[in-house]
Amino acid sequence: MDPRITAKPDLDIEKSKSDAFGEQELSAFLKTHQLDHLILTGLDGNACVKNTSIGALNRGYRVELCDPAILAYNQKAWELQKEALQEMGAAVSHDIVENAADAGAEKDPA
């Protein structure tokens, strides 16, 4: 795990399909907590990240791809896939997401 990612998960789902929405637990969690904006990371942009992004967009979620935290075996294919996902409505960020509490603590040395 990249040490710059300090956020702790609220939910840990073991997936059986490449689209995380294949597990009912994810949809239930998002609905219960009234979440509509997903920031996605992952080990293969051309598989799980792509399929989960499409699943989220099809369900009306705002999708943000945290590009520095997405790997791809085939980087050229990922660049094309990323463009296709953006055309579908996904946003791409190039900054690592920081835990807001940790970020504030670093700025205020007191």
N, C-alpha and C. Protein backbone atom coordinates (compact mmCIF):
# COMPACT_ATOMS: atom_id res chain seq x y z
N MET A 1 0.85 -1.17 0.00
CA MET A 1 0.00 0.00 0.00
C MET A 1 0.89 1.24 0.00
N ASP A 2 0.52 2.21 -0.79
CA ASP A 2 1.28 3.45 -0.88
C ASP A 2 1.16 4.19 0.46
N PRO A 3 2.28 4.53 1.11
CA PRO A 3 2.22 5.18 2.42
C PRO A 3 1.58 6.57 2.38
N ARG A 4 1.45 7.17 1.19
CA ARG A 4 0.81 8.48 1.10
C ARG A 4 -0.70 8.37 1.27
N ILE A 5 -1.24 7.18 1.12
CA ILE A 5 -2.68 6.98 1.29
C ILE A 5 -2.92 6.63 2.75
N THR A 6 -3.42 7.59 3.50
CA THR A 6 -3.56 7.42 4.94
C THR A 6 -4.99 7.15 5.38
N ALA A 7 -5.92 7.22 4.43
CA ALA A 7 -7.32 6.98 4.78
C ALA A 7 -7.51 5.51 5.16
N LYS A 8 -8.34 5.27 6.12
CA LYS A 8 -8.67 3.91 6.56
C LYS A 8 -10.02 3.53 5.98
N PRO A 9 -10.16 2.32 5.47
CA PRO A 9 -11.45 1.94 4.86
C PRO A 9 -12.55 1.80 5.89
N ASP A 10 -13.75 2.21 5.49
CA ASP A 10 -14.94 2.03 6.32
C ASP A 10 -15.58 0.69 6.04
N LEU A 11 -15.21 0.10 4.91
CA LEU A 11 -15.80 -1.16 4.48
C LEU A 11 -14.76 -1.92 3.68
N ASP A 12 -14.63 -3.20 3.95
CA ASP A 12 -13.70 -4.06 3.23
C ASP A 12 -14.52 -5.17 2.59
N ILE A 13 -14.59 -5.17 1.25
CA ILE A 13 -15.41 -6.14 0.54
C ILE A 13 -14.50 -7.08 -0.23
N GLU A 14 -14.74 -8.35 -0.08
CA GLU A 14 -14.04 -9.35 -0.88
C GLU A 14 -14.88 -9.58 -2.12
N LYS A 15 -14.33 -9.24 -3.30
CA LYS A 15 -15.10 -9.31 -4.54
C LYS A 15 -15.00 -10.70 -5.17
N SER A 16 -16.08 -11.09 -5.83
CA SER A 16 -16.06 -12.33 -6.61
C SER A 16 -16.14 -12.02 -8.10
N LYS A 17 -16.34 -10.74 -8.44
CA LYS A 17 -16.44 -10.29 -9.83
C LYS A 17 -15.58 -9.05 -9.99
N SER A 18 -15.26 -8.71 -11.24
CA SER A 18 -14.40 -7.54 -11.45
C SER A 18 -15.12 -6.22 -11.17
N ASP A 19 -16.45 -6.20 -11.25
CA ASP A 19 -17.23 -5.02 -10.90
C ASP A 19 -17.62 -5.14 -9.44
N ALA A 20 -17.12 -4.24 -8.60
CA ALA A 20 -17.41 -4.31 -7.16
C ALA A 20 -18.91 -4.22 -6.88
N PHE A 21 -19.69 -3.69 -7.82
CA PHE A 21 -21.13 -3.64 -7.63
C PHE A 21 -21.79 -5.01 -7.80
N GLY A 22 -21.00 -6.01 -8.16
CA GLY A 22 -21.50 -7.38 -8.19
C GLY A 22 -21.78 -7.90 -6.79
N GLU A 23 -21.27 -7.22 -5.79
CA GLU A 23 -21.50 -7.57 -4.39
C GLU A 23 -22.54 -6.60 -3.83
N GLN A 24 -23.66 -7.12 -3.34
CA GLN A 24 -24.75 -6.28 -2.83
C GLN A 24 -24.31 -5.43 -1.65
N GLU A 25 -23.30 -5.87 -0.94
CA GLU A 25 -22.81 -5.16 0.25
C GLU A 25 -22.37 -3.73 -0.08
N LEU A 26 -21.76 -3.53 -1.25
CA LEU A 26 -21.30 -2.20 -1.63
C LEU A 26 -22.47 -1.26 -1.84
N SER A 27 -23.44 -1.67 -2.63
CA SER A 27 -24.61 -0.81 -2.88
C SER A 27 -25.34 -0.47 -1.59
N ALA A 28 -25.48 -1.45 -0.71
CA ALA A 28 -26.16 -1.22 0.57
C ALA A 28 -25.39 -0.21 1.41
N PHE A 29 -24.07 -0.34 1.47
CA PHE A 29 -23.25 0.58 2.25
C PHE A 29 -23.37 2.00 1.71
N LEU A 30 -23.26 2.17 0.40
CA LEU A 30 -23.33 3.49 -0.20
C LEU A 30 -24.70 4.14 0.03
N LYS A 31 -25.75 3.34 -0.08
CA LYS A 31 -27.10 3.86 0.15
C LYS A 31 -27.30 4.25 1.61
N THR A 32 -26.88 3.37 2.52
CA THR A 32 -27.03 3.64 3.96
C THR A 32 -26.33 4.94 4.36
N HIS A 33 -25.16 5.18 3.79
CA HIS A 33 -24.36 6.35 4.16
C HIS A 33 -24.58 7.54 3.22
N GLN A 34 -25.55 7.40 2.32
CA GLN A 34 -25.92 8.46 1.38
C GLN A 34 -24.71 9.03 0.63
N LEU A 35 -23.90 8.12 0.11
CA LEU A 35 -22.70 8.52 -0.63
C LEU A 35 -23.01 8.51 -2.12
N ASP A 36 -22.53 9.54 -2.82
CA ASP A 36 -22.76 9.60 -4.27
C ASP A 36 -21.50 9.88 -5.07
N HIS A 37 -20.37 10.05 -4.40
CA HIS A 37 -19.10 10.37 -5.07
C HIS A 37 -18.09 9.31 -4.69
N LEU A 38 -17.61 8.58 -5.69
CA LEU A 38 -16.64 7.51 -5.45
C LEU A 38 -15.29 7.89 -6.03
N ILE A 39 -14.24 7.71 -5.25
CA ILE A 39 -12.87 7.89 -5.71
C ILE A 39 -12.28 6.50 -5.83
N LEU A 40 -11.96 6.11 -7.07
CA LEU A 40 -11.52 4.74 -7.31
C LEU A 40 -10.02 4.65 -7.50
N THR A 41 -9.47 3.58 -6.94
CA THR A 41 -8.07 3.20 -7.10
C THR A 41 -8.07 1.71 -7.40
N GLY A 42 -6.93 1.17 -7.79
CA GLY A 42 -6.93 -0.27 -8.00
C GLY A 42 -5.69 -0.80 -8.68
N LEU A 43 -5.65 -2.12 -8.79
CA LEU A 43 -4.48 -2.81 -9.32
C LEU A 43 -4.49 -2.96 -10.83
N ASP A 44 -5.64 -2.86 -11.47
CA ASP A 44 -5.64 -2.90 -12.93
C ASP A 44 -6.76 -2.04 -13.49
N GLY A 45 -6.35 -0.92 -14.05
CA GLY A 45 -7.31 0.01 -14.63
C GLY A 45 -8.11 -0.60 -15.75
N ASN A 46 -7.56 -1.60 -16.42
CA ASN A 46 -8.22 -2.21 -17.57
C ASN A 46 -9.18 -3.32 -17.18
N ALA A 47 -9.30 -3.62 -15.91
CA ALA A 47 -10.18 -4.70 -15.46
C ALA A 47 -11.11 -4.17 -14.37
N CYS A 48 -10.74 -4.39 -13.11
CA CYS A 48 -11.62 -4.05 -11.99
C CYS A 48 -11.97 -2.57 -11.92
N VAL A 49 -10.99 -1.71 -12.12
CA VAL A 49 -11.27 -0.28 -12.03
C VAL A 49 -12.23 0.12 -13.14
N LYS A 50 -11.97 -0.35 -14.35
CA LYS A 50 -12.86 -0.04 -15.49
C LYS A 50 -14.28 -0.55 -15.22
N ASN A 51 -14.39 -1.80 -14.83
CA ASN A 51 -15.72 -2.40 -14.65
C ASN A 51 -16.49 -1.78 -13.48
N THR A 52 -15.79 -1.48 -12.40
CA THR A 52 -16.45 -0.83 -11.26
C THR A 52 -16.84 0.60 -11.62
N SER A 53 -16.00 1.28 -12.39
CA SER A 53 -16.34 2.64 -12.84
C SER A 53 -17.62 2.62 -13.68
N ILE A 54 -17.69 1.71 -14.61
CA ILE A 54 -18.88 1.61 -15.46
C ILE A 54 -20.11 1.27 -14.62
N GLY A 55 -19.94 0.33 -13.68
CA GLY A 55 -21.04 -0.02 -12.79
C GLY A 55 -21.52 1.17 -11.98
N ALA A 56 -20.59 1.98 -11.48
CA ALA A 56 -20.94 3.15 -10.69
C ALA A 56 -21.62 4.22 -11.55
N LEU A 57 -21.05 4.49 -12.72
CA LEU A 57 -21.64 5.50 -13.61
C LEU A 57 -23.04 5.09 -14.04
N ASN A 58 -23.24 3.81 -14.31
CA ASN A 58 -24.57 3.32 -14.71
C ASN A 58 -25.59 3.45 -13.59
N ARG A 59 -25.12 3.53 -12.35
CA ARG A 59 -26.01 3.66 -11.20
C ARG A 59 -26.15 5.12 -10.75
N GLY A 60 -25.55 6.03 -11.48
CA GLY A 60 -25.69 7.46 -11.18
C GLY A 60 -24.68 8.03 -10.21
N TYR A 61 -23.63 7.30 -9.87
CA TYR A 61 -22.60 7.83 -8.97
C TYR A 61 -21.64 8.74 -9.72
N ARG A 62 -21.11 9.73 -9.01
CA ARG A 62 -20.01 10.53 -9.54
C ARG A 62 -18.75 9.72 -9.33
N VAL A 63 -17.98 9.55 -10.38
CA VAL A 63 -16.78 8.71 -10.31
C VAL A 63 -15.55 9.56 -10.56
N GLU A 64 -14.58 9.40 -9.67
CA GLU A 64 -13.28 10.07 -9.80
C GLU A 64 -12.21 8.98 -9.79
N LEU A 65 -11.39 8.97 -10.81
CA LEU A 65 -10.30 8.00 -10.90
C LEU A 65 -9.04 8.66 -10.36
N CYS A 66 -8.49 8.14 -9.29
CA CYS A 66 -7.27 8.68 -8.68
C CYS A 66 -6.09 8.07 -9.44
N ASP A 67 -5.70 8.72 -10.52
CA ASP A 67 -4.75 8.16 -11.48
C ASP A 67 -3.43 7.66 -10.87
N PRO A 68 -2.80 8.38 -9.93
CA PRO A 68 -1.53 7.87 -9.39
C PRO A 68 -1.70 6.57 -8.59
N ALA A 69 -2.92 6.24 -8.22
CA ALA A 69 -3.17 5.05 -7.41
C ALA A 69 -3.88 3.95 -8.21
N ILE A 70 -3.72 4.01 -9.54
CA ILE A 70 -4.28 2.98 -10.41
C ILE A 70 -3.15 2.41 -11.26
N LEU A 71 -2.94 1.13 -11.14
CA LEU A 71 -1.92 0.46 -11.94
C LEU A 71 -2.57 -0.15 -13.17
N ALA A 72 -1.75 -0.50 -14.14
CA ALA A 72 -2.26 -1.19 -15.33
C ALA A 72 -1.13 -2.00 -15.94
N TYR A 73 -1.42 -3.25 -16.20
CA TYR A 73 -0.44 -4.11 -16.86
C TYR A 73 -0.11 -3.55 -18.24
N ASN A 74 -1.14 -3.08 -18.95
CA ASN A 74 -0.97 -2.50 -20.27
C ASN A 74 -1.28 -1.00 -20.17
N GLN A 75 -0.25 -0.20 -20.01
CA GLN A 75 -0.42 1.23 -19.78
C GLN A 75 -1.07 1.93 -20.97
N LYS A 76 -0.72 1.53 -22.20
CA LYS A 76 -1.34 2.16 -23.38
C LYS A 76 -2.85 1.91 -23.39
N ALA A 77 -3.25 0.68 -23.09
CA ALA A 77 -4.68 0.36 -23.04
C ALA A 77 -5.36 1.16 -21.94
N TRP A 78 -4.67 1.36 -20.80
CA TRP A 78 -5.26 2.12 -19.70
C TRP A 78 -5.48 3.58 -20.12
N GLU A 79 -4.55 4.16 -20.83
CA GLU A 79 -4.73 5.54 -21.29
C GLU A 79 -5.98 5.65 -22.16
N LEU A 80 -6.18 4.70 -23.07
CA LEU A 80 -7.38 4.70 -23.91
C LEU A 80 -8.64 4.46 -23.08
N GLN A 81 -8.55 3.53 -22.13
CA GLN A 81 -9.70 3.23 -21.26
C GLN A 81 -10.08 4.44 -20.42
N LYS A 82 -9.07 5.13 -19.92
CA LYS A 82 -9.31 6.33 -19.11
C LYS A 82 -10.07 7.39 -19.92
N GLU A 83 -9.68 7.56 -21.18
CA GLU A 83 -10.37 8.51 -22.05
C GLU A 83 -11.83 8.08 -22.25
N ALA A 84 -12.05 6.79 -22.46
CA ALA A 84 -13.42 6.28 -22.65
C ALA A 84 -14.25 6.51 -21.40
N LEU A 85 -13.66 6.29 -20.22
CA LEU A 85 -14.38 6.50 -18.96
C LEU A 85 -14.70 7.98 -18.76
N GLN A 86 -13.79 8.85 -19.16
CA GLN A 86 -14.05 10.29 -19.06
C GLN A 86 -15.20 10.67 -19.98
N GLU A 87 -15.26 10.09 -21.17
CA GLU A 87 -16.37 10.37 -22.08
C GLU A 87 -17.69 9.91 -21.49
N MET A 88 -17.65 8.89 -20.63
CA MET A 88 -18.86 8.39 -19.97
C MET A 88 -19.23 9.24 -18.76
N GLY A 89 -18.32 10.13 -18.32
CA GLY A 89 -18.64 11.02 -17.20
C GLY A 89 -17.70 10.94 -16.02
N ALA A 90 -16.72 10.05 -16.05
CA ALA A 90 -15.76 9.95 -14.93
C ALA A 90 -14.78 11.12 -14.98
N ALA A 91 -14.35 11.54 -13.82
CA ALA A 91 -13.31 12.56 -13.70
C ALA A 91 -12.00 11.85 -13.37
N VAL A 92 -10.89 12.49 -13.71
CA VAL A 92 -9.58 11.93 -13.39
C VAL A 92 -8.83 12.94 -12.53
N SER A 93 -8.34 12.48 -11.38
CA SER A 93 -7.53 13.35 -10.53
C SER A 93 -6.10 12.84 -10.57
N HIS A 94 -5.17 13.74 -10.36
CA HIS A 94 -3.75 13.38 -10.41
C HIS A 94 -3.07 13.57 -9.07
N ASP A 95 -3.86 13.81 -8.02
CA ASP A 95 -3.33 13.98 -6.67
C ASP A 95 -3.73 12.79 -5.82
N ILE A 96 -2.83 12.39 -4.94
CA ILE A 96 -3.14 11.34 -3.98
C ILE A 96 -4.09 11.94 -2.94
N VAL A 97 -5.13 11.22 -2.61
CA VAL A 97 -6.10 11.67 -1.62
C VAL A 97 -5.47 11.60 -0.24
N GLU A 98 -5.58 12.68 0.50
CA GLU A 98 -5.04 12.70 1.87
C GLU A 98 -6.18 12.62 2.86
N ASN A 99 -5.88 12.02 4.00
CA ASN A 99 -6.82 12.01 5.10
C ASN A 99 -6.88 13.44 5.63
N ALA A 100 -8.06 14.03 5.64
CA ALA A 100 -8.21 15.44 6.03
C ALA A 100 -7.66 15.72 7.42
N ALA A 101 -7.86 14.83 8.36
CA ALA A 101 -7.36 15.04 9.73
C ALA A 101 -5.84 15.05 9.75
N ASP A 102 -5.22 14.12 9.02
CA ASP A 102 -3.77 14.07 8.98
C ASP A 102 -3.20 15.30 8.27
N ALA A 103 -3.83 15.74 7.19
CA ALA A 103 -3.37 16.91 6.46
C ALA A 103 -3.39 18.14 7.35
N GLY A 104 -4.45 18.29 8.13
CA GLY A 104 -4.55 19.44 9.03
C GLY A 104 -3.50 19.40 10.11
N ALA A 105 -3.21 18.21 10.62
CA ALA A 105 -2.20 18.06 11.68
C ALA A 105 -0.82 18.42 11.16
N GLU A 106 -0.53 18.08 9.91
CA GLU A 106 0.78 18.39 9.34
C GLU A 106 0.96 19.89 9.16
N LYS A 107 -0.10 20.62 8.84
CA LYS A 107 -0.02 22.04 8.59
C LYS A 107 0.07 22.84 9.88
N ASP A 108 -0.47 22.31 10.97
CA ASP A 108 -0.49 23.03 12.23
C ASP A 108 0.43 22.33 13.21
N PRO A 109 1.67 22.79 13.34
CA PRO A 109 2.65 22.12 14.20
C PRO A 109 2.36 22.24 15.68
N ALA A 110 1.40 23.06 16.09
CA ALA A 110 1.11 23.27 17.51
C ALA A 110 0.49 22.11 18.19
